Protein backbone atom coordinates (compact mmCIF):
# COMPACT_ATOMS: atom_id res chain seq x y z
CA MET A 1 -15.19 -11.23 27.81
CA GLN A 2 -16.84 -8.26 29.30
CA ASP A 3 -18.38 -6.10 26.75
CA SER A 4 -17.72 -2.35 26.04
CA THR A 5 -20.53 0.41 26.28
CA ARG A 6 -18.18 2.48 23.78
CA ILE A 7 -17.87 -0.05 20.92
CA PRO A 8 -20.09 -3.01 21.91
CA VAL A 9 -19.99 -6.52 20.28
CA GLY A 10 -23.58 -6.95 21.49
CA VAL A 11 -25.44 -9.14 19.15
CA SER A 12 -23.02 -8.56 15.96
CA PRO A 13 -21.79 -11.70 14.54
CA VAL A 14 -18.38 -13.04 15.62
CA ARG A 15 -15.60 -15.10 14.32
CA GLY A 16 -13.28 -16.56 17.25
CA ARG A 17 -13.52 -17.34 21.20
CA ALA A 18 -15.33 -15.36 23.36
CA ASP A 19 -12.69 -15.03 25.65
CA ALA A 20 -9.98 -13.70 23.09
CA LEU A 21 -7.72 -11.31 24.17
CA VAL A 22 -7.99 -9.04 21.06
CA THR A 23 -11.18 -7.88 19.38
CA VAL A 24 -11.19 -6.45 15.85
CA VAL A 25 -14.30 -4.76 15.23
CA VAL A 26 -14.74 -4.24 11.39
CA PHE A 27 -17.04 -1.69 10.03
CA GLY A 28 -17.38 -2.75 6.70
CA ASP A 29 -19.47 -2.57 3.23
CA TYR A 30 -20.20 -5.70 1.05
CA GLN A 31 -19.41 -3.64 -2.34
CA ASP A 32 -16.30 -2.11 -1.01
CA PRO A 33 -13.09 -3.72 -2.76
CA PHE A 34 -10.98 -2.61 0.34
CA CYS A 35 -13.35 -4.47 2.76
CA ARG A 36 -12.17 -7.49 0.67
CA VAL A 37 -8.72 -6.85 1.08
CA ALA A 38 -9.10 -6.24 4.53
CA ALA A 39 -10.92 -9.63 5.02
CA GLY A 40 -8.15 -11.54 3.66
CA ARG A 41 -5.79 -10.03 5.97
CA LEU A 42 -7.94 -10.73 8.86
CA ASN A 43 -8.26 -14.18 7.88
CA ALA A 44 -4.43 -14.16 8.15
CA LEU A 45 -4.47 -12.62 11.27
CA ARG A 46 -6.82 -15.23 12.73
CA GLU A 47 -4.33 -18.22 11.49
CA ARG A 48 -1.31 -16.35 12.98
CA TYR A 49 -2.94 -15.24 16.31
CA GLY A 50 -5.44 -18.28 16.86
CA ASP A 51 -7.46 -18.21 20.22
CA ASP A 52 -6.20 -14.60 21.09
CA LEU A 53 -7.93 -12.67 18.22
CA ARG A 54 -11.55 -12.55 17.31
CA VAL A 55 -13.53 -10.78 14.60
CA VAL A 56 -16.54 -8.77 15.08
CA TRP A 57 -18.31 -7.59 12.19
CA LYS A 58 -20.57 -4.46 12.00
CA ASP A 59 -22.54 -2.99 9.00
CA PHE A 60 -21.58 0.28 7.29
CA PRO A 61 -23.02 0.30 3.83
CA LEU A 62 -22.43 3.13 1.68
CA PRO A 63 -25.27 4.90 0.03
CA TYR A 64 -23.38 4.99 -3.27
CA HIS A 65 -23.34 1.52 -3.48
CA ASP A 66 -26.37 0.09 -4.74
CA ASN A 67 -26.47 -3.23 -3.59
CA ALA A 68 -24.74 -2.89 -0.06
CA MET A 69 -27.64 -2.51 1.93
CA SER A 70 -29.54 -5.63 0.54
CA ALA A 71 -26.40 -7.51 0.85
CA ALA A 72 -26.20 -6.50 4.56
CA GLU A 73 -29.81 -7.36 5.20
CA ALA A 74 -29.35 -10.39 3.21
CA ALA A 75 -26.40 -11.47 5.60
CA ARG A 76 -28.38 -10.70 8.74
CA ALA A 77 -31.10 -12.83 7.26
CA VAL A 78 -28.68 -15.76 6.87
CA TYR A 79 -27.22 -15.31 10.32
CA GLU A 80 -30.53 -14.92 11.98
CA GLN A 81 -31.24 -18.47 10.52
CA GLY A 82 -28.08 -20.34 10.16
CA GLY A 83 -25.85 -18.80 12.86
CA PRO A 84 -22.35 -18.06 12.83
CA SER A 85 -21.28 -20.76 10.44
CA ALA A 86 -23.90 -19.97 7.81
CA PHE A 87 -23.40 -15.97 8.10
CA TRP A 88 -19.14 -16.15 7.82
CA SER A 89 -19.56 -18.52 4.92
CA PHE A 90 -22.26 -16.13 3.51
CA HIS A 91 -20.31 -13.26 4.17
CA GLU A 92 -17.24 -14.18 2.43
CA MET A 93 -19.53 -15.26 -0.71
CA LEU A 94 -20.47 -11.46 -0.69
CA LEU A 95 -17.01 -10.19 -0.57
CA ASP A 96 -15.88 -12.91 -3.05
CA ASN A 97 -18.55 -11.75 -5.71
CA GLN A 98 -18.83 -8.06 -5.19
CA SER A 99 -19.95 -7.27 -8.77
CA ASN A 100 -23.01 -9.97 -8.38
CA LEU A 101 -24.77 -8.81 -5.42
CA SER A 102 -28.51 -8.64 -7.24
CA ARG A 103 -31.42 -10.16 -5.42
CA ASP A 104 -31.14 -13.41 -7.34
CA ASP A 105 -27.57 -13.75 -6.58
CA LEU A 106 -28.22 -13.20 -3.04
CA GLU A 107 -30.55 -15.97 -2.95
CA ARG A 108 -28.56 -18.11 -4.75
CA TYR A 109 -25.85 -17.86 -2.14
CA ALA A 110 -28.31 -18.23 0.81
CA ALA A 111 -29.27 -21.63 -0.87
CA ARG A 112 -25.64 -22.66 -0.81
CA VAL A 113 -25.44 -22.16 2.86
CA GLY A 114 -28.58 -24.12 3.43
CA VAL A 115 -31.37 -21.67 4.88
CA ASP A 116 -34.96 -21.58 4.23
CA LEU A 117 -35.27 -19.42 1.34
CA GLY A 118 -38.93 -18.64 2.04
CA SER A 119 -37.80 -17.34 5.36
CA PHE A 120 -34.93 -15.86 3.90
CA ARG A 121 -36.93 -14.05 1.03
CA ALA A 122 -39.62 -12.98 3.71
CA ALA A 123 -36.89 -11.24 6.00
CA LEU A 124 -35.68 -9.26 2.84
CA ASP A 125 -39.00 -8.11 1.62
CA ALA A 126 -39.87 -6.85 5.22
CA HIS A 127 -36.22 -5.26 5.67
CA ALA A 128 -36.46 -7.07 8.92
CA HIS A 129 -32.81 -6.36 9.66
CA ARG A 130 -32.43 -2.69 8.62
CA PRO A 131 -32.89 -1.49 12.39
CA ARG A 132 -29.96 -3.28 13.35
CA ILE A 133 -27.95 -2.44 10.15
CA GLU A 134 -29.05 1.32 10.91
CA ALA A 135 -27.82 1.09 14.58
CA ASP A 136 -24.38 -0.07 13.28
CA MET A 137 -24.32 2.82 11.11
CA ALA A 138 -25.30 5.28 13.99
CA LEU A 139 -22.48 3.69 16.04
CA ALA A 140 -19.94 4.15 13.34
CA ARG A 141 -20.99 7.80 12.99
CA GLN A 142 -20.94 8.42 16.77
CA LEU A 143 -17.07 6.92 16.82
CA GLY A 144 -16.22 8.95 13.92
CA VAL A 145 -15.71 6.51 11.37
CA PRO A 146 -15.08 8.19 7.91
CA SER A 147 -15.56 5.27 5.77
CA PRO A 148 -15.34 1.27 5.63
CA PRO A 149 -13.36 -0.66 5.96
CA HIS A 150 -12.61 0.74 9.60
CA LEU A 151 -11.21 -1.28 12.22
CA PHE A 152 -11.22 -1.03 15.90
CA ILE A 153 -8.56 -3.34 17.75
CA ASN A 154 -9.26 -3.23 21.50
CA GLY A 155 -10.48 0.22 20.69
CA THR A 156 -7.60 1.23 18.73
CA SER A 157 -8.69 3.17 15.71
CA LEU A 158 -7.24 1.83 12.06
CA ILE A 159 -8.23 2.68 8.67
CA ARG A 160 -7.30 0.46 5.33
CA THR A 161 -4.09 -0.44 7.17
CA ARG A 162 -1.47 -2.68 5.07
CA GLY A 163 -1.18 -6.24 6.28
CA GLU A 164 2.31 -5.71 8.12
CA SER A 165 1.00 -2.53 9.95
CA LEU A 166 -2.19 -4.39 11.04
CA ALA A 167 -0.06 -7.10 12.57
CA THR A 168 2.29 -4.67 14.60
CA ALA A 169 -0.80 -2.91 15.94
CA VAL A 170 -2.41 -6.36 16.98
CA ASP A 171 1.20 -7.09 18.54
CA ALA A 172 0.94 -3.95 20.67
CA VAL A 173 -2.54 -4.47 21.86
CA LEU A 174 -2.07 -8.06 22.82
CA ALA A 175 1.02 -7.25 24.70
CA ARG A 176 -1.20 -4.72 26.86
CA ALA A 177 -4.09 -7.13 27.11
CA ARG A 178 -1.94 -10.09 28.42
CA SER A 179 -1.19 -7.46 31.52
CA ILE A 180 -5.01 -6.89 32.48
CA GLU A 181 -6.30 -8.81 35.17
CA PRO A 182 -8.78 -10.54 35.33
CA ARG A 183 -8.84 -11.38 31.66
CA ILE A 184 -12.32 -10.78 31.44
CA HIS A 185 -12.01 -7.32 31.56
CA ALA A 186 -9.33 -6.93 28.82
CA TYR A 187 -11.82 -5.59 25.82
CA GLU A 188 -13.79 -3.47 28.14
CA ALA A 189 -10.62 -1.84 29.98
CA MET A 190 -8.89 -1.29 26.55
CA VAL A 191 -11.85 0.20 24.80
CA ALA A 192 -11.97 2.85 27.43
CA ASP A 193 -8.10 3.30 27.12
CA PRO A 194 -7.03 2.39 23.90
CA VAL A 195 -3.54 1.66 22.93
CA ALA A 196 -1.65 4.80 21.04
CA LEU A 197 -0.05 3.60 17.91
CA PRO A 198 2.99 5.55 16.65
CA ASP A 199 2.49 7.56 13.58
CA PRO A 200 3.47 5.86 10.25
CA PRO A 201 6.84 7.34 8.89
CA VAL A 202 6.79 9.96 6.62
CA ALA A 203 8.31 9.42 3.28
CA PRO A 204 11.08 11.56 2.15
CA ALA A 205 10.48 14.44 -0.12
CA PRO A 206 12.61 14.97 -3.34
CA GLY A 207 15.97 16.04 -2.20
CA GLY A 208 15.98 13.95 1.12
CA HIS A 209 14.25 16.33 3.37
CA PRO A 210 11.16 15.11 5.32
């Protein structure tokens, strides 16, 4: 799939086929509870859409989450050593254990996914992967991302979306993506001209008036 210069997949961790018609880029924070919820919904979407959907993780650790940056650095260190399989296993451990992200915890999770702990510790001590994380954060600011989790579905912007709304958005994006030829340009073309989703319905005010 041809990459986009506006929201590049680049070297970020990817889950799913490279030629998937729908690319969900997630800007996330490992200590944010909404990111844990979003991860569950994205896993459900991957089961629903199969080869048509891939998920890309980009780091957006918030400054007031004490362990978010170190968790992001640890995940990148795992990715460098163990590749996508180790990364996504470690990624899920972090999101499932958001109250336990100390240095000792990170090393324990890294041991579980089988990376070399000496190299892992050295990468954390040197902050070897912080520049990549800071590049993700800079991209988030450039795109106007207010807070995590923030999703871009082939360029269509969504934040903290409920599960049913997320599926509706993917359906709309997938329908457009299937019309693009050649297929390899679907992501690049749609990020440049994203699907516009309808505004959510406004709940009626007391007395029945909108």
